[in-house]
Amino acid sequence: MSKTTIPTGGITADAIDATLIADDAISEEHLDATAITGHTALAEAPADTDEFLISDGGTLKRIDASYIGGDNTPIFAVTRSGDQSISNNSHTVIQWNSEIFDPDNTFDSSTNYRFTPAVAGYYFLMTQGRIGVQADATKLSVVIRKNGSAIARSIDTNKDNNTVNASTLVLSDTNDYFDVEFYQNTGATRVLSQSTENTFFAGFKIITWVI
């Protein structure tokens, strides 16, 4: 077995390069764990440009944090700031005129009362509505719509100021929009409750690897 003679005075900086290190010569028994795990903790969420080391089919690669998961945004929640009249035997678009939160400004609470994500992806949407009247054997319905077409519907009878709710997971393009209709046939125009716990519409983007 050949030996390498260490020069007098020791090994100079950068004297050992790839030509002097055999393949697979560095293993876990020769590698300090801090070289991989690090000795300084990151005490906050990684920035989009922070990098991780992964094995891609056996090849080590670095990847930006922006490619791993993502953010649950856009996100919103809205309700009514006052009562809204719902005509008998008619589907009526709920006028969500009070924003609980809308940090991305993706909800129109003044004109069309709709959510327009503007970011393609999968979204979870949920809604609930209640009218303030007791009337047995009548029909209540709440509908989540995508571009004017129903994608989730809930139907129930109204016996004790019942609430109806619907939720769905939906794929949205950048220009799709979502709103909510309410239906009742209790025999007269009724008032949709303005209470936040009874009447609301909310949603957020789902974190996914591939869209």
N, C-alpha and C. Protein backbone atom coordinates (compact mmCIF):
# COMPACT_ATOMS: atom_id res chain seq x y z
N MET A 1 0.86 -1.19 0.00
CA MET A 1 0.00 0.00 0.00
C MET A 1 0.89 1.23 0.00
N SER A 2 0.64 2.11 -0.94
CA SER A 2 1.47 3.31 -1.03
C SER A 2 1.10 4.30 0.05
N LYS A 3 2.07 5.10 0.42
CA LYS A 3 1.85 6.10 1.44
C LYS A 3 2.19 7.47 0.89
N THR A 4 1.51 8.46 1.41
CA THR A 4 1.79 9.84 1.02
C THR A 4 2.66 10.48 2.07
N THR A 5 3.76 11.08 1.64
CA THR A 5 4.66 11.73 2.58
C THR A 5 4.16 13.13 2.88
N ILE A 6 4.00 13.42 4.17
CA ILE A 6 3.56 14.75 4.58
C ILE A 6 4.76 15.67 4.60
N PRO A 7 4.71 16.73 3.87
CA PRO A 7 5.87 17.63 3.80
C PRO A 7 6.17 18.28 5.14
N THR A 8 7.43 18.66 5.28
CA THR A 8 7.85 19.36 6.50
C THR A 8 7.05 20.65 6.65
N GLY A 9 6.57 20.87 7.86
CA GLY A 9 5.77 22.07 8.10
C GLY A 9 4.28 21.82 7.98
N GLY A 10 3.90 20.57 7.62
CA GLY A 10 2.49 20.23 7.55
C GLY A 10 1.90 20.42 6.16
N ILE A 11 0.59 20.28 6.08
CA ILE A 11 -0.12 20.40 4.81
C ILE A 11 -0.57 21.84 4.62
N THR A 12 -0.24 22.40 3.50
CA THR A 12 -0.64 23.78 3.22
C THR A 12 -2.11 23.85 2.84
N ALA A 13 -2.66 25.04 2.93
CA ALA A 13 -4.07 25.25 2.59
C ALA A 13 -4.35 24.83 1.16
N ASP A 14 -5.46 24.11 0.95
CA ASP A 14 -5.91 23.65 -0.37
C ASP A 14 -4.94 22.67 -1.03
N ALA A 15 -4.06 22.06 -0.23
CA ALA A 15 -3.12 21.11 -0.82
C ALA A 15 -3.81 19.80 -1.18
N ILE A 16 -4.88 19.45 -0.43
CA ILE A 16 -5.61 18.22 -0.71
C ILE A 16 -6.84 18.56 -1.57
N ASP A 17 -6.84 18.03 -2.78
CA ASP A 17 -7.97 18.29 -3.67
C ASP A 17 -8.63 16.97 -4.07
N ALA A 18 -9.54 17.03 -5.01
CA ALA A 18 -10.31 15.85 -5.39
C ALA A 18 -9.44 14.73 -5.94
N THR A 19 -8.27 15.07 -6.51
CA THR A 19 -7.40 14.04 -7.07
C THR A 19 -6.74 13.20 -6.00
N LEU A 20 -6.70 13.70 -4.77
CA LEU A 20 -6.07 12.97 -3.68
C LEU A 20 -7.06 12.27 -2.77
N ILE A 21 -8.37 12.42 -3.07
CA ILE A 21 -9.40 11.80 -2.23
C ILE A 21 -10.14 10.76 -3.07
N ALA A 22 -10.10 9.53 -2.62
CA ALA A 22 -10.76 8.46 -3.36
C ALA A 22 -12.28 8.60 -3.28
N ASP A 23 -12.97 8.10 -4.29
CA ASP A 23 -14.42 8.09 -4.27
C ASP A 23 -14.91 7.32 -3.05
N ASP A 24 -15.94 7.82 -2.40
CA ASP A 24 -16.56 7.20 -1.23
C ASP A 24 -15.62 7.14 -0.02
N ALA A 25 -14.56 7.93 -0.05
CA ALA A 25 -13.61 7.91 1.07
C ALA A 25 -14.15 8.63 2.29
N ILE A 26 -15.04 9.58 2.07
CA ILE A 26 -15.60 10.33 3.20
C ILE A 26 -16.96 9.74 3.54
N SER A 27 -17.07 9.16 4.72
CA SER A 27 -18.32 8.55 5.17
C SER A 27 -18.73 9.17 6.49
N GLU A 28 -19.85 8.65 7.04
CA GLU A 28 -20.36 9.24 8.26
C GLU A 28 -19.37 9.17 9.42
N GLU A 29 -18.49 8.18 9.43
CA GLU A 29 -17.55 8.06 10.54
C GLU A 29 -16.45 9.12 10.48
N HIS A 30 -16.29 9.76 9.32
CA HIS A 30 -15.27 10.79 9.17
C HIS A 30 -15.85 12.20 9.06
N LEU A 31 -17.19 12.29 9.12
CA LEU A 31 -17.85 13.57 8.89
C LEU A 31 -18.51 14.07 10.17
N ASP A 32 -18.17 15.26 10.56
CA ASP A 32 -18.78 15.88 11.74
C ASP A 32 -20.26 16.16 11.44
N ALA A 33 -21.13 15.78 12.36
CA ALA A 33 -22.57 15.95 12.14
C ALA A 33 -22.96 17.41 11.91
N THR A 34 -22.18 18.34 12.47
CA THR A 34 -22.52 19.76 12.30
C THR A 34 -22.38 20.20 10.85
N ALA A 35 -21.65 19.44 10.05
CA ALA A 35 -21.53 19.80 8.64
C ALA A 35 -22.85 19.65 7.91
N ILE A 36 -23.72 18.79 8.44
CA ILE A 36 -25.03 18.58 7.83
C ILE A 36 -26.13 19.25 8.64
N THR A 37 -26.11 19.04 9.94
CA THR A 37 -27.19 19.56 10.77
C THR A 37 -27.04 21.04 11.08
N GLY A 38 -25.83 21.56 10.99
CA GLY A 38 -25.61 22.96 11.31
C GLY A 38 -25.56 23.17 12.80
N HIS A 39 -24.91 24.24 13.21
CA HIS A 39 -24.81 24.52 14.64
C HIS A 39 -25.48 25.82 15.01
N THR A 40 -26.12 26.49 14.01
CA THR A 40 -26.87 27.71 14.28
C THR A 40 -28.33 27.49 13.89
N ALA A 41 -29.24 27.69 14.84
CA ALA A 41 -30.66 27.45 14.59
C ALA A 41 -31.29 28.62 13.83
N LEU A 42 -32.17 28.33 12.87
CA LEU A 42 -32.97 29.33 12.18
C LEU A 42 -34.25 29.50 12.97
N ALA A 43 -34.40 30.64 13.63
CA ALA A 43 -35.52 30.84 14.55
C ALA A 43 -36.70 31.55 13.88
N GLU A 44 -36.90 31.33 12.60
CA GLU A 44 -38.03 31.92 11.88
C GLU A 44 -38.31 31.07 10.65
N ALA A 45 -39.44 31.32 10.01
CA ALA A 45 -39.78 30.57 8.80
C ALA A 45 -38.75 30.85 7.71
N PRO A 46 -38.36 29.84 6.94
CA PRO A 46 -37.37 30.05 5.88
C PRO A 46 -37.85 31.04 4.83
N ALA A 47 -36.94 31.86 4.35
CA ALA A 47 -37.26 32.76 3.24
C ALA A 47 -37.35 31.95 1.95
N ASP A 48 -37.98 32.51 0.93
CA ASP A 48 -38.15 31.79 -0.32
C ASP A 48 -36.83 31.36 -0.94
N THR A 49 -35.78 32.15 -0.70
CA THR A 49 -34.47 31.86 -1.30
C THR A 49 -33.57 31.02 -0.41
N ASP A 50 -34.02 30.70 0.82
CA ASP A 50 -33.26 29.77 1.65
C ASP A 50 -33.24 28.40 0.97
N GLU A 51 -32.17 27.65 1.17
CA GLU A 51 -32.00 26.40 0.43
C GLU A 51 -31.93 25.18 1.34
N PHE A 52 -32.44 24.06 0.81
CA PHE A 52 -32.35 22.76 1.46
C PHE A 52 -31.53 21.82 0.58
N LEU A 53 -30.91 20.82 1.21
CA LEU A 53 -30.16 19.81 0.48
C LEU A 53 -30.99 18.54 0.41
N ILE A 54 -31.22 18.04 -0.82
CA ILE A 54 -32.03 16.84 -0.98
C ILE A 54 -31.32 15.87 -1.93
N SER A 55 -31.77 14.62 -1.90
CA SER A 55 -31.28 13.62 -2.84
C SER A 55 -32.33 13.45 -3.93
N ASP A 56 -31.97 13.78 -5.15
CA ASP A 56 -32.86 13.65 -6.29
C ASP A 56 -32.42 12.45 -7.10
N GLY A 57 -33.02 11.28 -6.82
CA GLY A 57 -32.63 10.06 -7.51
C GLY A 57 -31.19 9.66 -7.23
N GLY A 58 -30.69 9.98 -6.03
CA GLY A 58 -29.34 9.63 -5.66
C GLY A 58 -28.32 10.73 -5.92
N THR A 59 -28.76 11.82 -6.57
CA THR A 59 -27.88 12.95 -6.82
C THR A 59 -28.21 14.08 -5.86
N LEU A 60 -27.24 14.54 -5.09
CA LEU A 60 -27.48 15.61 -4.15
C LEU A 60 -27.70 16.93 -4.89
N LYS A 61 -28.80 17.61 -4.53
CA LYS A 61 -29.12 18.90 -5.13
C LYS A 61 -29.61 19.85 -4.05
N ARG A 62 -29.49 21.13 -4.30
CA ARG A 62 -30.06 22.12 -3.40
C ARG A 62 -31.35 22.65 -4.02
N ILE A 63 -32.30 23.01 -3.15
CA ILE A 63 -33.60 23.49 -3.61
C ILE A 63 -34.04 24.67 -2.77
N ASP A 64 -34.56 25.70 -3.40
CA ASP A 64 -35.08 26.87 -2.68
C ASP A 64 -36.33 26.50 -1.90
N ALA A 65 -36.51 27.15 -0.78
CA ALA A 65 -37.69 26.89 0.06
C ALA A 65 -38.98 27.21 -0.68
N SER A 66 -38.93 28.12 -1.67
CA SER A 66 -40.13 28.51 -2.41
C SER A 66 -40.73 27.35 -3.19
N TYR A 67 -39.92 26.30 -3.48
CA TYR A 67 -40.40 25.15 -4.23
C TYR A 67 -40.97 24.07 -3.32
N ILE A 68 -40.84 24.23 -2.03
CA ILE A 68 -41.33 23.24 -1.07
C ILE A 68 -42.60 23.77 -0.43
N GLY A 69 -43.73 23.15 -0.75
CA GLY A 69 -44.99 23.59 -0.18
C GLY A 69 -45.41 24.92 -0.74
N GLY A 70 -45.53 25.93 0.11
CA GLY A 70 -45.99 27.25 -0.31
C GLY A 70 -46.77 27.91 0.80
N ASP A 71 -47.52 28.95 0.47
CA ASP A 71 -48.32 29.67 1.44
C ASP A 71 -49.80 29.37 1.24
N ASN A 72 -50.56 29.42 2.34
CA ASN A 72 -52.02 29.25 2.28
C ASN A 72 -52.69 30.56 1.90
N THR A 73 -52.17 31.25 0.93
CA THR A 73 -52.74 32.52 0.49
C THR A 73 -52.94 32.49 -1.01
N PRO A 74 -53.97 33.19 -1.49
CA PRO A 74 -54.87 34.11 -0.80
C PRO A 74 -55.77 33.41 0.22
N ILE A 75 -56.21 34.21 1.19
CA ILE A 75 -57.11 33.74 2.24
C ILE A 75 -58.11 34.85 2.56
N PHE A 76 -59.34 34.48 2.91
CA PHE A 76 -60.34 35.52 3.20
C PHE A 76 -61.44 34.95 4.10
N ALA A 77 -62.18 35.84 4.73
CA ALA A 77 -63.40 35.50 5.47
C ALA A 77 -64.28 36.74 5.47
N VAL A 78 -65.55 36.55 5.11
CA VAL A 78 -66.49 37.69 5.01
C VAL A 78 -67.82 37.32 5.65
N THR A 79 -68.61 38.36 5.94
CA THR A 79 -69.93 38.15 6.53
C THR A 79 -70.84 39.32 6.12
N ARG A 80 -71.97 39.45 6.80
CA ARG A 80 -72.89 40.54 6.54
C ARG A 80 -72.83 41.55 7.68
N SER A 81 -72.84 42.84 7.34
CA SER A 81 -72.87 43.88 8.37
C SER A 81 -74.30 44.29 8.71
N GLY A 82 -75.28 43.75 7.99
CA GLY A 82 -76.69 44.05 8.24
C GLY A 82 -77.54 42.99 7.60
N ASP A 83 -78.85 43.01 7.86
CA ASP A 83 -79.74 42.01 7.30
C ASP A 83 -79.87 42.18 5.79
N GLN A 84 -80.07 41.08 5.08
CA GLN A 84 -80.32 41.10 3.64
C GLN A 84 -81.60 40.35 3.34
N SER A 85 -82.47 40.94 2.54
CA SER A 85 -83.74 40.32 2.18
C SER A 85 -83.52 39.24 1.13
N ILE A 86 -84.14 38.08 1.36
CA ILE A 86 -84.08 36.95 0.43
C ILE A 86 -85.50 36.66 -0.03
N SER A 87 -85.76 36.88 -1.31
CA SER A 87 -87.11 36.69 -1.84
C SER A 87 -87.52 35.23 -1.75
N ASN A 88 -88.84 35.00 -1.66
CA ASN A 88 -89.37 33.65 -1.61
C ASN A 88 -89.17 32.93 -2.94
N ASN A 89 -88.79 31.65 -2.86
CA ASN A 89 -88.66 30.79 -4.04
C ASN A 89 -87.70 31.38 -5.08
N SER A 90 -86.60 31.92 -4.59
CA SER A 90 -85.65 32.58 -5.50
C SER A 90 -84.23 32.41 -4.98
N HIS A 91 -83.29 32.16 -5.91
CA HIS A 91 -81.88 32.12 -5.57
C HIS A 91 -81.32 33.54 -5.58
N THR A 92 -80.75 33.96 -4.47
CA THR A 92 -80.26 35.33 -4.31
C THR A 92 -78.78 35.31 -3.95
N VAL A 93 -77.96 36.07 -4.68
CA VAL A 93 -76.54 36.18 -4.36
C VAL A 93 -76.38 36.91 -3.04
N ILE A 94 -75.66 36.31 -2.11
CA ILE A 94 -75.45 36.94 -0.81
C ILE A 94 -74.46 38.10 -0.97
N GLN A 95 -74.84 39.24 -0.45
CA GLN A 95 -74.01 40.44 -0.55
C GLN A 95 -73.09 40.51 0.67
N TRP A 96 -71.93 39.92 0.52
CA TRP A 96 -70.94 39.89 1.61
C TRP A 96 -70.27 41.27 1.70
N ASN A 97 -70.82 42.14 2.52
CA ASN A 97 -70.35 43.53 2.56
C ASN A 97 -69.46 43.84 3.75
N SER A 98 -69.07 42.83 4.51
CA SER A 98 -68.21 43.05 5.68
C SER A 98 -67.09 42.03 5.69
N GLU A 99 -65.85 42.49 5.60
CA GLU A 99 -64.70 41.59 5.58
C GLU A 99 -64.18 41.34 7.00
N ILE A 100 -64.10 40.08 7.38
CA ILE A 100 -63.49 39.71 8.65
C ILE A 100 -61.98 39.83 8.50
N PHE A 101 -61.46 39.27 7.41
CA PHE A 101 -60.08 39.53 6.99
C PHE A 101 -59.95 39.23 5.50
N ASP A 102 -59.09 39.97 4.86
CA ASP A 102 -58.82 39.83 3.42
C ASP A 102 -57.46 40.45 3.12
N PRO A 103 -56.39 39.85 3.66
CA PRO A 103 -55.05 40.45 3.56
C PRO A 103 -54.53 40.60 2.14
N ASP A 104 -55.06 39.80 1.21
CA ASP A 104 -54.55 39.84 -0.17
C ASP A 104 -55.45 40.66 -1.10
N ASN A 105 -56.50 41.27 -0.53
CA ASN A 105 -57.43 42.09 -1.32
C ASN A 105 -57.99 41.33 -2.52
N THR A 106 -58.42 40.11 -2.27
CA THR A 106 -58.96 39.27 -3.35
C THR A 106 -60.48 39.15 -3.30
N PHE A 107 -61.11 39.81 -2.32
CA PHE A 107 -62.57 39.74 -2.21
C PHE A 107 -63.19 41.10 -2.50
N ASP A 108 -64.20 41.10 -3.37
CA ASP A 108 -64.94 42.32 -3.70
C ASP A 108 -66.16 42.39 -2.79
N SER A 109 -66.11 43.23 -1.78
CA SER A 109 -67.19 43.34 -0.80
C SER A 109 -68.07 44.57 -1.04
N SER A 110 -67.96 45.17 -2.23
CA SER A 110 -68.73 46.39 -2.49
C SER A 110 -69.60 46.32 -3.74
N THR A 111 -69.25 45.46 -4.71
CA THR A 111 -69.99 45.45 -5.98
C THR A 111 -70.51 44.06 -6.34
N ASN A 112 -69.58 43.12 -6.58
CA ASN A 112 -69.98 41.79 -7.04
C ASN A 112 -70.02 40.74 -5.93
N TYR A 113 -69.45 41.06 -4.77
CA TYR A 113 -69.47 40.18 -3.60
C TYR A 113 -68.92 38.80 -3.93
N ARG A 114 -67.73 38.80 -4.52
CA ARG A 114 -67.12 37.55 -4.97
C ARG A 114 -65.64 37.50 -4.63
N PHE A 115 -65.14 36.26 -4.59
CA PHE A 115 -63.72 35.98 -4.34
C PHE A 115 -63.05 35.66 -5.67
N THR A 116 -62.03 36.43 -6.02
CA THR A 116 -61.25 36.20 -7.24
C THR A 116 -59.81 35.98 -6.82
N PRO A 117 -59.34 34.73 -6.72
CA PRO A 117 -58.01 34.44 -6.16
C PRO A 117 -56.85 35.11 -6.89
N ALA A 118 -56.90 35.14 -8.24
CA ALA A 118 -55.82 35.69 -9.07
C ALA A 118 -54.54 34.87 -8.99
N VAL A 119 -54.55 33.80 -8.21
CA VAL A 119 -53.41 32.88 -8.10
C VAL A 119 -53.95 31.47 -8.37
N ALA A 120 -53.43 30.82 -9.40
CA ALA A 120 -53.90 29.48 -9.74
C ALA A 120 -53.55 28.49 -8.63
N GLY A 121 -54.44 27.55 -8.38
CA GLY A 121 -54.19 26.54 -7.37
C GLY A 121 -55.47 25.89 -6.88
N TYR A 122 -55.33 25.02 -5.89
CA TYR A 122 -56.47 24.37 -5.28
C TYR A 122 -56.90 25.18 -4.05
N TYR A 123 -58.22 25.37 -3.90
CA TYR A 123 -58.75 26.18 -2.81
C TYR A 123 -59.81 25.42 -2.04
N PHE A 124 -59.82 25.65 -0.72
CA PHE A 124 -60.90 25.14 0.13
C PHE A 124 -61.83 26.31 0.43
N LEU A 125 -63.11 26.14 0.12
CA LEU A 125 -64.12 27.18 0.34
C LEU A 125 -65.22 26.64 1.24
N MET A 126 -65.75 27.50 2.10
CA MET A 126 -66.83 27.10 3.00
C MET A 126 -67.78 28.27 3.20
N THR A 127 -69.07 27.95 3.37
CA THR A 127 -70.06 29.01 3.57
C THR A 127 -71.20 28.49 4.43
N GLN A 128 -71.91 29.42 5.04
CA GLN A 128 -73.07 29.08 5.86
C GLN A 128 -74.05 30.24 5.87
N GLY A 129 -75.34 29.92 5.93
CA GLY A 129 -76.36 30.97 5.99
C GLY A 129 -77.54 30.56 6.85
N ARG A 130 -78.25 31.57 7.37
CA ARG A 130 -79.40 31.31 8.23
C ARG A 130 -80.43 32.43 8.07
N ILE A 131 -81.69 32.06 8.02
CA ILE A 131 -82.75 33.07 8.00
C ILE A 131 -83.42 33.11 9.37
N GLY A 132 -83.93 34.27 9.71
CA GLY A 132 -84.48 34.47 11.05
C GLY A 132 -85.96 34.23 11.13
N VAL A 133 -86.40 33.01 10.80
CA VAL A 133 -87.83 32.69 10.92
C VAL A 133 -87.98 31.19 11.16
N GLN A 134 -88.98 30.82 11.95
CA GLN A 134 -89.30 29.41 12.15
C GLN A 134 -90.48 29.06 11.26
N ALA A 135 -90.28 28.10 10.36
CA ALA A 135 -91.34 27.69 9.44
C ALA A 135 -91.08 26.25 9.04
N ASP A 136 -91.92 25.36 9.52
CA ASP A 136 -91.71 23.94 9.28
C ASP A 136 -91.93 23.55 7.82
N ALA A 137 -91.26 22.45 7.43
CA ALA A 137 -91.45 21.82 6.12
C ALA A 137 -91.21 22.78 4.97
N THR A 138 -90.20 23.61 5.09
CA THR A 138 -89.82 24.51 4.01
C THR A 138 -88.38 24.24 3.62
N LYS A 139 -87.98 24.75 2.48
CA LYS A 139 -86.67 24.43 1.94
C LYS A 139 -85.71 25.60 2.05
N LEU A 140 -84.49 25.28 2.54
CA LEU A 140 -83.39 26.24 2.56
C LEU A 140 -82.24 25.63 1.75
N SER A 141 -81.49 26.48 1.07
CA SER A 141 -80.36 25.99 0.30
C SER A 141 -79.29 27.07 0.21
N VAL A 142 -78.02 26.64 0.29
CA VAL A 142 -76.90 27.54 0.07
C VAL A 142 -76.01 26.91 -1.01
N VAL A 143 -75.53 27.73 -1.93
CA VAL A 143 -74.80 27.24 -3.10
C VAL A 143 -73.52 28.04 -3.29
N ILE A 144 -72.39 27.34 -3.39
CA ILE A 144 -71.13 27.98 -3.78
C ILE A 144 -71.03 27.87 -5.30
N ARG A 145 -70.75 28.98 -5.96
CA ARG A 145 -70.68 28.99 -7.42
C ARG A 145 -69.27 29.35 -7.90
N LYS A 146 -68.89 28.76 -9.03
CA LYS A 146 -67.65 29.10 -9.72
C LYS A 146 -68.02 29.67 -11.08
N ASN A 147 -67.69 30.93 -11.29
CA ASN A 147 -68.01 31.60 -12.55
C ASN A 147 -69.50 31.51 -12.88
N GLY A 148 -70.35 31.54 -11.85
CA GLY A 148 -71.79 31.53 -12.04
C GLY A 148 -72.43 30.16 -12.05
N SER A 149 -71.65 29.08 -11.96
CA SER A 149 -72.19 27.73 -11.97
C SER A 149 -71.97 27.05 -10.62
N ALA A 150 -72.97 26.31 -10.15
CA ALA A 150 -72.89 25.67 -8.84
C ALA A 150 -71.81 24.61 -8.80
N ILE A 151 -71.02 24.61 -7.72
CA ILE A 151 -70.01 23.58 -7.51
C ILE A 151 -70.18 22.88 -6.15
N ALA A 152 -71.00 23.46 -5.27
CA ALA A 152 -71.30 22.84 -3.97
C ALA A 152 -72.65 23.35 -3.51
N ARG A 153 -73.51 22.43 -3.05
CA ARG A 153 -74.86 22.81 -2.67
C ARG A 153 -75.28 22.05 -1.41
N SER A 154 -75.98 22.74 -0.52
CA SER A 154 -76.55 22.12 0.67
C SER A 154 -78.04 22.46 0.73
N ILE A 155 -78.87 21.46 1.04
CA ILE A 155 -80.33 21.65 1.10
C ILE A 155 -80.84 21.08 2.42
N ASP A 156 -81.74 21.82 3.06
CA ASP A 156 -82.30 21.37 4.34
C ASP A 156 -83.69 21.97 4.49
N THR A 157 -84.44 21.43 5.43
CA THR A 157 -85.73 22.03 5.79
C THR A 157 -85.51 23.00 6.95
N ASN A 158 -86.39 23.97 7.06
CA ASN A 158 -86.27 24.98 8.12
C ASN A 158 -87.31 24.73 9.19
N LYS A 159 -86.86 24.33 10.38
CA LYS A 159 -87.79 24.06 11.47
C LYS A 159 -87.55 24.96 12.67
N ASP A 160 -86.31 25.33 12.90
CA ASP A 160 -86.00 26.14 14.08
C ASP A 160 -84.86 27.09 13.74
N ASN A 161 -85.13 28.02 12.82
CA ASN A 161 -84.10 28.96 12.36
C ASN A 161 -82.85 28.19 11.95
N ASN A 162 -83.03 27.17 11.14
CA ASN A 162 -81.92 26.31 10.76
C ASN A 162 -80.86 27.04 9.94
N THR A 163 -79.62 26.55 10.04
CA THR A 163 -78.55 27.02 9.17
C THR A 163 -78.29 25.95 8.11
N VAL A 164 -77.83 26.39 6.95
CA VAL A 164 -77.37 25.47 5.91
C VAL A 164 -75.94 25.84 5.57
N ASN A 165 -75.12 24.85 5.33
CA ASN A 165 -73.71 25.13 5.04
C ASN A 165 -73.19 24.21 3.95
N ALA A 166 -72.16 24.66 3.25
CA ALA A 166 -71.55 23.88 2.18
C ALA A 166 -70.07 24.17 2.15
N SER A 167 -69.31 23.19 1.69
CA SER A 167 -67.86 23.38 1.53
C SER A 167 -67.38 22.54 0.36
N THR A 168 -66.24 22.91 -0.20
CA THR A 168 -65.72 22.19 -1.35
C THR A 168 -64.25 22.48 -1.54
N LEU A 169 -63.58 21.59 -2.25
CA LEU A 169 -62.20 21.78 -2.69
C LEU A 169 -62.25 21.96 -4.19
N VAL A 170 -61.68 23.04 -4.70
CA VAL A 170 -61.84 23.37 -6.11
C VAL A 170 -60.53 23.89 -6.70
N LEU A 171 -60.31 23.60 -7.98
CA LEU A 171 -59.16 24.12 -8.70
C LEU A 171 -59.55 25.45 -9.34
N SER A 172 -58.74 26.46 -9.12
CA SER A 172 -59.03 27.79 -9.66
C SER A 172 -57.93 28.25 -10.60
N ASP A 173 -58.32 28.86 -11.70
CA ASP A 173 -57.39 29.54 -12.58
C ASP A 173 -57.22 30.97 -12.07
N THR A 174 -56.38 31.75 -12.70
CA THR A 174 -56.11 33.11 -12.22
C THR A 174 -57.31 34.03 -12.38
N ASN A 175 -58.21 33.74 -13.33
CA ASN A 175 -59.34 34.64 -13.58
C ASN A 175 -60.68 34.06 -13.17
N ASP A 176 -60.71 32.94 -12.44
CA ASP A 176 -61.97 32.39 -11.94
C ASP A 176 -62.47 33.22 -10.76
N TYR A 177 -63.78 33.17 -10.51
CA TYR A 177 -64.34 33.86 -9.35
C TYR A 177 -65.37 32.96 -8.67
N PHE A 178 -65.63 33.25 -7.39
CA PHE A 178 -66.53 32.42 -6.58
C PHE A 178 -67.46 33.31 -5.77
N ASP A 179 -68.75 32.96 -5.78
CA ASP A 179 -69.71 33.67 -4.94
C ASP A 179 -70.69 32.67 -4.35
N VAL A 180 -71.70 33.17 -3.61
CA VAL A 180 -72.62 32.29 -2.90
C VAL A 180 -74.06 32.75 -3.13
N GLU A 181 -74.95 31.79 -3.39
CA GLU A 181 -76.39 32.05 -3.49
C GLU A 181 -77.11 31.41 -2.30
N PHE A 182 -78.21 32.07 -1.91
CA PHE A 182 -79.07 31.51 -0.86
C PHE A 182 -80.48 31.37 -1.42
N TYR A 183 -81.14 30.27 -1.05
CA TYR A 183 -82.50 30.02 -1.53
C TYR A 183 -83.40 29.68 -0.35
N GLN A 184 -84.64 30.18 -0.39
CA GLN A 184 -85.63 29.80 0.63
C GLN A 184 -87.03 29.86 0.01
N ASN A 185 -87.91 28.97 0.45
CA ASN A 185 -89.29 28.98 -0.04
C ASN A 185 -90.28 28.88 1.13
N THR A 186 -90.09 29.73 2.11
CA THR A 186 -90.95 29.73 3.30
C THR A 186 -92.28 30.43 3.07
N GLY A 187 -92.50 30.97 1.85
CA GLY A 187 -93.79 31.58 1.54
C GLY A 187 -93.79 33.09 1.53
N ALA A 188 -92.66 33.70 1.92
CA ALA A 188 -92.57 35.16 1.93
C ALA A 188 -91.10 35.57 1.90
N THR A 189 -90.86 36.85 1.65
CA THR A 189 -89.49 37.36 1.71
C THR A 189 -88.98 37.26 3.15
N ARG A 190 -87.78 36.76 3.31
CA ARG A 190 -87.20 36.57 4.63
C ARG A 190 -85.88 37.33 4.74
N VAL A 191 -85.39 37.47 5.96
CA VAL A 191 -84.16 38.20 6.23
C VAL A 191 -83.04 37.22 6.54
N LEU A 192 -81.92 37.38 5.86
CA LEU A 192 -80.74 36.58 6.13
C LEU A 192 -80.04 37.14 7.36
N SER A 193 -79.72 36.28 8.29
CA SER A 193 -79.10 36.72 9.54
C SER A 193 -77.77 37.43 9.29
N GLN A 194 -77.53 38.51 10.04
CA GLN A 194 -76.26 39.25 9.93
C GLN A 194 -75.23 38.77 10.94
N SER A 195 -75.59 37.79 11.75
CA SER A 195 -74.69 37.29 12.79
C SER A 195 -73.52 36.53 12.17
N THR A 196 -72.30 36.89 12.57
CA THR A 196 -71.10 36.28 11.98
C THR A 196 -71.06 34.76 12.17
N GLU A 197 -71.50 34.28 13.33
CA GLU A 197 -71.44 32.83 13.57
C GLU A 197 -72.49 32.06 12.77
N ASN A 198 -73.47 32.77 12.21
CA ASN A 198 -74.53 32.11 11.44
C ASN A 198 -74.37 32.25 9.94
N THR A 199 -73.81 33.35 9.48
CA THR A 199 -73.75 33.64 8.05
C THR A 199 -72.34 34.12 7.69
N PHE A 200 -71.63 33.32 6.89
CA PHE A 200 -70.25 33.69 6.53
C PHE A 200 -69.82 32.96 5.27
N PHE A 201 -68.72 33.43 4.69
CA PHE A 201 -68.08 32.81 3.52
C PHE A 201 -66.58 32.95 3.73
N ALA A 202 -65.83 31.86 3.57
CA ALA A 202 -64.39 31.90 3.82
C ALA A 202 -63.68 30.90 2.92
N GLY A 203 -62.37 31.11 2.75
CA GLY A 203 -61.60 30.19 1.93
C GLY A 203 -60.12 30.49 1.97
N PHE A 204 -59.32 29.54 1.48
CA PHE A 204 -57.88 29.72 1.45
C PHE A 204 -57.27 28.76 0.44
N LYS A 205 -56.07 29.07 0.00
CA LYS A 205 -55.33 28.24 -0.96
C LYS A 205 -54.71 27.05 -0.24
N ILE A 206 -54.80 25.87 -0.87
CA ILE A 206 -54.21 24.67 -0.32
C ILE A 206 -52.76 24.57 -0.75
N ILE A 207 -51.87 24.22 0.19
CA ILE A 207 -50.46 24.00 -0.15
C ILE A 207 -50.33 22.67 -0.88
N THR A 208 -49.74 22.70 -2.07
CA THR A 208 -49.55 21.49 -2.85
C THR A 208 -48.16 21.50 -3.47
N TRP A 209 -47.68 20.33 -3.83
CA TRP A 209 -46.37 20.24 -4.49
C TRP A 209 -46.48 20.59 -5.96
N VAL A 210 -47.50 20.05 -6.62
CA VAL A 210 -47.64 20.26 -8.05
C VAL A 210 -49.05 20.71 -8.36
N ILE A 211 -49.21 21.76 -9.18
CA ILE A 211 -50.51 22.25 -9.60
C ILE A 211 -50.73 21.84 -11.05
